[in-house]
């Protein structure tokens, strides 16, 4: 039961933090490009890479890795925004967003992992 509580608490804080950060980014930028989702996902990839490289204990992994990062990052929003670019035939945005999201996410996770690799 404690494991479920750790994941739930992490998810609660991750969702709130993601919402707040997304709203802040949207307020300071005026772009048709989904900068908020991109920054959240790249940051989440980096932090999850760091967490993995730290070889964190079960409680930290459950709270931050599964709960917080699971709610903070957003694969579904990434997909929805890509579908919207596709439907509007905004090929430049679609290709750029896909490339930066996937390549940037993998690179950020790798860098985070290597920073704490022991």
N, C-alpha and C. Protein backbone atom coordinates (compact mmCIF):
# COMPACT_ATOMS: atom_id res chain seq x y z
N UNK A 1 0.82 -1.19 0.00
CA UNK A 1 0.00 0.00 0.00
C UNK A 1 0.87 1.26 0.00
N UNK A 2 2.02 1.20 0.66
CA UNK A 2 2.92 2.35 0.71
C UNK A 2 3.43 2.68 -0.70
N UNK A 3 3.66 1.69 -1.52
CA UNK A 3 4.13 1.93 -2.89
C UNK A 3 3.08 2.71 -3.69
N UNK A 4 1.84 2.34 -3.54
CA UNK A 4 0.75 3.03 -4.24
C UNK A 4 0.67 4.48 -3.77
N UNK A 5 0.83 4.71 -2.49
CA UNK A 5 0.78 6.06 -1.95
C UNK A 5 1.93 6.93 -2.48
N UNK A 6 3.11 6.34 -2.59
CA UNK A 6 4.26 7.08 -3.12
C UNK A 6 4.02 7.49 -4.58
N UNK A 7 3.53 6.56 -5.39
CA UNK A 7 3.24 6.86 -6.80
C UNK A 7 2.14 7.92 -6.90
N UNK A 8 1.10 7.77 -6.10
CA UNK A 8 -0.02 8.72 -6.13
C UNK A 8 0.43 10.12 -5.71
N UNK A 9 1.21 10.21 -4.66
CA UNK A 9 1.70 11.51 -4.20
C UNK A 9 2.62 12.15 -5.24
N UNK A 10 3.50 11.36 -5.81
CA UNK A 10 4.38 11.87 -6.86
C UNK A 10 3.58 12.34 -8.06
N UNK A 11 2.57 11.57 -8.45
CA UNK A 11 1.72 11.94 -9.57
C UNK A 11 0.97 13.24 -9.31
N UNK A 12 0.50 13.41 -8.10
CA UNK A 12 -0.21 14.63 -7.71
C UNK A 12 0.69 15.85 -7.93
N UNK A 13 1.90 15.79 -7.39
CA UNK A 13 2.81 16.92 -7.50
C UNK A 13 3.32 17.11 -8.93
N UNK A 14 3.56 16.02 -9.63
CA UNK A 14 4.01 16.12 -11.02
C UNK A 14 2.97 16.79 -11.91
N UNK A 15 1.71 16.42 -11.73
CA UNK A 15 0.63 17.02 -12.53
C UNK A 15 0.48 18.50 -12.24
N UNK A 16 0.55 18.87 -10.99
CA UNK A 16 0.43 20.28 -10.62
C UNK A 16 1.61 21.08 -11.16
N UNK A 17 2.79 20.53 -11.01
CA UNK A 17 3.98 21.23 -11.50
C UNK A 17 3.94 21.38 -13.02
N UNK A 18 3.51 20.35 -13.72
CA UNK A 18 3.41 20.40 -15.17
C UNK A 18 2.38 21.46 -15.60
N UNK A 19 1.25 21.49 -14.95
CA UNK A 19 0.22 22.47 -15.27
C UNK A 19 0.74 23.89 -15.05
N UNK A 20 1.35 24.13 -13.90
CA UNK A 20 1.87 25.46 -13.58
C UNK A 20 2.96 25.90 -14.54
N UNK A 21 3.89 25.02 -14.82
CA UNK A 21 4.98 25.36 -15.74
C UNK A 21 4.43 25.59 -17.15
N UNK A 22 3.50 24.76 -17.58
CA UNK A 22 2.89 24.93 -18.89
C UNK A 22 2.18 26.27 -19.02
N UNK A 23 1.43 26.66 -17.99
CA UNK A 23 0.73 27.94 -18.00
C UNK A 23 1.71 29.10 -18.02
N UNK A 24 2.78 28.99 -17.25
CA UNK A 24 3.79 30.04 -17.22
C UNK A 24 4.44 30.22 -18.59
N UNK A 25 4.82 29.13 -19.22
CA UNK A 25 5.48 29.19 -20.52
C UNK A 25 4.53 29.77 -21.57
N UNK A 26 3.28 29.35 -21.52
CA UNK A 26 2.30 29.88 -22.48
C UNK A 26 2.09 31.38 -22.31
N UNK A 27 2.19 31.86 -21.07
CA UNK A 27 2.02 33.29 -20.80
C UNK A 27 3.16 34.13 -21.35
N UNK A 28 4.38 33.57 -21.32
CA UNK A 28 5.54 34.37 -21.74
C UNK A 28 5.90 34.16 -23.21
N UNK A 29 5.24 33.24 -23.89
CA UNK A 29 5.51 33.03 -25.30
C UNK A 29 4.23 33.16 -26.10
N UNK A 30 4.37 33.57 -27.31
CA UNK A 30 3.23 33.66 -28.22
C UNK A 30 3.64 32.97 -29.51
N UNK A 31 3.56 31.66 -29.51
CA UNK A 31 4.03 30.88 -30.64
C UNK A 31 3.05 29.76 -30.96
N UNK A 32 2.87 29.46 -32.24
CA UNK A 32 2.03 28.32 -32.59
C UNK A 32 2.74 26.99 -32.31
N UNK A 33 4.03 27.06 -32.05
CA UNK A 33 4.82 25.87 -31.74
C UNK A 33 4.61 25.53 -30.26
N UNK A 34 4.38 24.25 -29.93
CA UNK A 34 4.08 23.85 -28.54
C UNK A 34 5.33 23.82 -27.64
N UNK A 35 5.85 24.99 -27.36
CA UNK A 35 7.08 25.12 -26.58
C UNK A 35 6.90 24.54 -25.17
N UNK A 36 5.76 24.76 -24.57
CA UNK A 36 5.53 24.28 -23.19
C UNK A 36 5.65 22.77 -23.12
N UNK A 37 4.97 22.06 -23.99
CA UNK A 37 5.04 20.59 -23.98
C UNK A 37 6.45 20.12 -24.27
N UNK A 38 7.10 20.75 -25.23
CA UNK A 38 8.46 20.37 -25.59
C UNK A 38 9.41 20.53 -24.41
N UNK A 39 9.37 21.68 -23.75
CA UNK A 39 10.26 21.92 -22.61
C UNK A 39 9.97 20.97 -21.44
N UNK A 40 8.71 20.74 -21.19
CA UNK A 40 8.34 19.81 -20.11
C UNK A 40 8.88 18.41 -20.41
N UNK A 41 8.70 17.94 -21.63
CA UNK A 41 9.13 16.58 -21.96
C UNK A 41 10.64 16.43 -22.01
N UNK A 42 11.35 17.43 -22.52
CA UNK A 42 12.82 17.37 -22.54
C UNK A 42 13.37 17.44 -21.11
N UNK A 43 12.81 18.32 -20.30
CA UNK A 43 13.22 18.42 -18.90
C UNK A 43 12.94 17.11 -18.16
N UNK A 44 11.77 16.54 -18.37
CA UNK A 44 11.41 15.28 -17.75
C UNK A 44 12.34 14.15 -18.17
N UNK A 45 12.72 14.13 -19.43
CA UNK A 45 13.66 13.10 -19.92
C UNK A 45 15.01 13.24 -19.23
N UNK A 46 15.47 14.47 -19.11
CA UNK A 46 16.75 14.73 -18.43
C UNK A 46 16.69 14.28 -16.96
N UNK A 47 15.63 14.68 -16.27
CA UNK A 47 15.51 14.34 -14.85
C UNK A 47 15.36 12.83 -14.63
N UNK A 48 14.63 12.18 -15.51
CA UNK A 48 14.48 10.73 -15.38
C UNK A 48 15.80 10.03 -15.68
N UNK A 49 16.57 10.56 -16.62
CA UNK A 49 17.91 10.03 -16.87
C UNK A 49 18.80 10.20 -15.66
N UNK A 50 18.74 11.37 -15.02
CA UNK A 50 19.52 11.59 -13.79
C UNK A 50 19.13 10.61 -12.70
N UNK A 51 17.84 10.44 -12.52
CA UNK A 51 17.33 9.55 -11.49
C UNK A 51 17.81 8.11 -11.73
N UNK A 52 17.78 7.70 -12.98
CA UNK A 52 18.22 6.35 -13.33
C UNK A 52 19.72 6.21 -13.10
N UNK A 53 20.49 7.21 -13.47
CA UNK A 53 21.93 7.18 -13.26
C UNK A 53 22.34 7.18 -11.80
N UNK A 54 21.46 7.71 -10.95
CA UNK A 54 21.75 7.76 -9.51
C UNK A 54 21.56 6.41 -8.85
N UNK A 55 20.89 5.51 -9.52
CA UNK A 55 20.53 4.22 -8.93
C UNK A 55 19.76 4.45 -7.62
N UNK A 56 18.74 5.28 -7.73
CA UNK A 56 17.94 5.66 -6.56
C UNK A 56 17.23 4.46 -5.96
N UNK A 57 16.93 4.56 -4.69
CA UNK A 57 16.21 3.51 -3.99
C UNK A 57 14.78 3.42 -4.46
N UNK A 58 14.09 2.37 -4.01
CA UNK A 58 12.73 2.10 -4.45
C UNK A 58 11.77 3.25 -4.15
N UNK A 59 11.84 3.83 -2.97
CA UNK A 59 10.90 4.90 -2.60
C UNK A 59 11.08 6.13 -3.49
N UNK A 60 12.31 6.50 -3.74
CA UNK A 60 12.59 7.65 -4.60
C UNK A 60 12.17 7.34 -6.02
N UNK A 61 12.47 6.15 -6.49
CA UNK A 61 12.09 5.75 -7.85
C UNK A 61 10.58 5.75 -8.02
N UNK A 62 9.86 5.25 -7.02
CA UNK A 62 8.40 5.22 -7.09
C UNK A 62 7.80 6.63 -7.07
N UNK A 63 8.27 7.47 -6.14
CA UNK A 63 7.73 8.82 -6.01
C UNK A 63 8.10 9.69 -7.21
N UNK A 64 9.40 9.80 -7.50
CA UNK A 64 9.84 10.70 -8.56
C UNK A 64 9.79 10.07 -9.95
N UNK A 65 10.34 8.88 -10.09
CA UNK A 65 10.44 8.26 -11.41
C UNK A 65 9.11 7.87 -12.00
N UNK A 66 8.29 7.20 -11.24
CA UNK A 66 7.00 6.73 -11.75
C UNK A 66 5.91 7.76 -11.52
N UNK A 67 5.78 8.25 -10.29
CA UNK A 67 4.70 9.18 -9.97
C UNK A 67 4.90 10.56 -10.56
N UNK A 68 5.92 11.26 -10.09
CA UNK A 68 6.14 12.64 -10.51
C UNK A 68 6.40 12.75 -12.01
N UNK A 69 7.40 12.02 -12.50
CA UNK A 69 7.75 12.12 -13.92
C UNK A 69 6.65 11.57 -14.82
N UNK A 70 5.93 10.56 -14.36
CA UNK A 70 4.82 10.02 -15.14
C UNK A 70 3.73 11.05 -15.36
N UNK A 71 3.48 11.87 -14.36
CA UNK A 71 2.45 12.91 -14.48
C UNK A 71 3.01 14.19 -15.07
N UNK A 72 4.28 14.45 -14.85
CA UNK A 72 4.91 15.69 -15.34
C UNK A 72 5.08 15.67 -16.86
N UNK A 73 5.60 14.58 -17.38
CA UNK A 73 5.79 14.49 -18.83
C UNK A 73 4.48 14.08 -19.48
N UNK A 74 4.36 14.33 -20.77
CA UNK A 74 3.07 14.09 -21.41
C UNK A 74 3.22 13.60 -22.84
N UNK A 75 3.20 12.31 -22.99
CA UNK A 75 3.28 11.68 -24.30
C UNK A 75 1.99 11.90 -25.08
N UNK A 76 0.86 11.88 -24.40
CA UNK A 76 -0.42 12.04 -25.09
C UNK A 76 -0.58 13.43 -25.68
N UNK A 77 -0.14 14.47 -24.97
CA UNK A 77 -0.22 15.82 -25.51
C UNK A 77 0.71 15.98 -26.70
N UNK A 78 1.88 15.38 -26.62
CA UNK A 78 2.82 15.40 -27.74
C UNK A 78 2.15 14.81 -28.98
N UNK A 79 1.50 13.68 -28.83
CA UNK A 79 0.84 13.03 -29.98
C UNK A 79 -0.32 13.88 -30.51
N UNK A 80 -1.12 14.43 -29.62
CA UNK A 80 -2.23 15.27 -30.04
C UNK A 80 -1.75 16.48 -30.83
N UNK A 81 -0.71 17.14 -30.34
CA UNK A 81 -0.18 18.31 -31.02
C UNK A 81 0.38 17.95 -32.39
N UNK A 82 0.99 16.77 -32.50
CA UNK A 82 1.48 16.32 -33.80
C UNK A 82 0.33 16.04 -34.77
N UNK A 83 -0.75 15.46 -34.28
CA UNK A 83 -1.92 15.22 -35.12
C UNK A 83 -2.51 16.54 -35.59
N UNK A 84 -2.53 17.54 -34.71
CA UNK A 84 -3.04 18.85 -35.10
C UNK A 84 -2.18 19.48 -36.20
N UNK A 85 -0.86 19.37 -36.09
CA UNK A 85 0.02 19.86 -37.15
C UNK A 85 -0.25 19.11 -38.46
N UNK A 86 -0.43 17.82 -38.37
CA UNK A 86 -0.71 17.00 -39.55
C UNK A 86 -2.02 17.43 -40.22
N UNK A 87 -3.06 17.58 -39.42
CA UNK A 87 -4.36 17.96 -39.97
C UNK A 87 -4.35 19.34 -40.62
N UNK A 88 -3.53 20.24 -40.07
CA UNK A 88 -3.41 21.59 -40.64
C UNK A 88 -2.36 21.64 -41.75
N UNK A 89 -1.74 20.51 -42.01
CA UNK A 89 -0.69 20.39 -43.03
C UNK A 89 0.48 21.34 -42.75
N UNK A 90 0.82 21.47 -41.48
CA UNK A 90 1.96 22.29 -41.08
C UNK A 90 3.18 21.38 -40.95
N UNK A 91 3.68 20.98 -42.11
CA UNK A 91 4.72 19.96 -42.17
C UNK A 91 6.02 20.41 -41.48
N UNK A 92 6.38 21.65 -41.63
CA UNK A 92 7.61 22.15 -41.01
C UNK A 92 7.54 22.02 -39.49
N UNK A 93 6.41 22.44 -38.91
CA UNK A 93 6.24 22.30 -37.46
C UNK A 93 6.20 20.84 -37.04
N UNK A 94 5.49 20.03 -37.80
CA UNK A 94 5.35 18.61 -37.47
C UNK A 94 6.71 17.91 -37.44
N UNK A 95 7.48 18.07 -38.48
CA UNK A 95 8.78 17.40 -38.56
C UNK A 95 9.74 17.95 -37.51
N UNK A 96 9.74 19.26 -37.33
CA UNK A 96 10.62 19.88 -36.33
C UNK A 96 10.26 19.39 -34.92
N UNK A 97 8.98 19.39 -34.62
CA UNK A 97 8.52 18.98 -33.29
C UNK A 97 8.84 17.51 -33.01
N UNK A 98 8.60 16.66 -33.99
CA UNK A 98 8.92 15.24 -33.82
C UNK A 98 10.42 15.04 -33.62
N UNK A 99 11.23 15.68 -34.45
CA UNK A 99 12.68 15.51 -34.37
C UNK A 99 13.23 16.01 -33.04
N UNK A 100 12.82 17.20 -32.64
CA UNK A 100 13.33 17.75 -31.38
C UNK A 100 12.82 16.94 -30.19
N UNK A 101 11.57 16.54 -30.22
CA UNK A 101 11.00 15.79 -29.10
C UNK A 101 11.71 14.46 -28.89
N UNK A 102 11.86 13.69 -29.97
CA UNK A 102 12.45 12.37 -29.81
C UNK A 102 13.96 12.41 -29.66
N UNK A 103 14.65 13.10 -30.58
CA UNK A 103 16.10 13.17 -30.48
C UNK A 103 16.52 13.94 -29.23
N UNK A 104 15.85 15.05 -28.96
CA UNK A 104 16.17 15.84 -27.77
C UNK A 104 15.88 15.10 -26.48
N UNK A 105 14.78 14.37 -26.45
CA UNK A 105 14.43 13.60 -25.26
C UNK A 105 15.44 12.50 -24.97
N UNK A 106 15.84 11.78 -26.02
CA UNK A 106 16.83 10.72 -25.84
C UNK A 106 18.17 11.31 -25.41
N UNK A 107 18.58 12.39 -26.06
CA UNK A 107 19.84 13.04 -25.70
C UNK A 107 19.81 13.58 -24.27
N UNK A 108 18.71 14.21 -23.90
CA UNK A 108 18.58 14.75 -22.54
C UNK A 108 18.63 13.63 -21.50
N UNK A 109 17.95 12.53 -21.76
CA UNK A 109 17.97 11.39 -20.84
C UNK A 109 19.39 10.82 -20.72
N UNK A 110 20.08 10.73 -21.85
CA UNK A 110 21.45 10.20 -21.84
C UNK A 110 22.37 11.12 -21.04
N UNK A 111 22.27 12.42 -21.26
CA UNK A 111 23.10 13.38 -20.51
C UNK A 111 22.80 13.29 -19.02
N UNK A 112 21.52 13.26 -18.67
CA UNK A 112 21.15 13.12 -17.26
C UNK A 112 21.70 11.85 -16.65
N UNK A 113 21.63 10.77 -17.39
CA UNK A 113 22.15 9.49 -16.92
C UNK A 113 23.66 9.55 -16.71
N UNK A 114 24.36 10.13 -17.67
CA UNK A 114 25.82 10.17 -17.60
C UNK A 114 26.33 11.10 -16.49
N UNK A 115 25.56 12.12 -16.17
CA UNK A 115 25.97 13.04 -15.10
C UNK A 115 26.09 12.30 -13.77
N UNK A 116 25.18 11.38 -13.53
CA UNK A 116 25.14 10.67 -12.25
C UNK A 116 25.57 9.22 -12.33
N UNK A 117 26.08 8.79 -13.47
CA UNK A 117 26.45 7.38 -13.60
C UNK A 117 27.57 7.05 -12.64
N UNK A 118 27.38 5.97 -11.89
CA UNK A 118 28.40 5.56 -10.90
C UNK A 118 28.95 4.23 -11.24
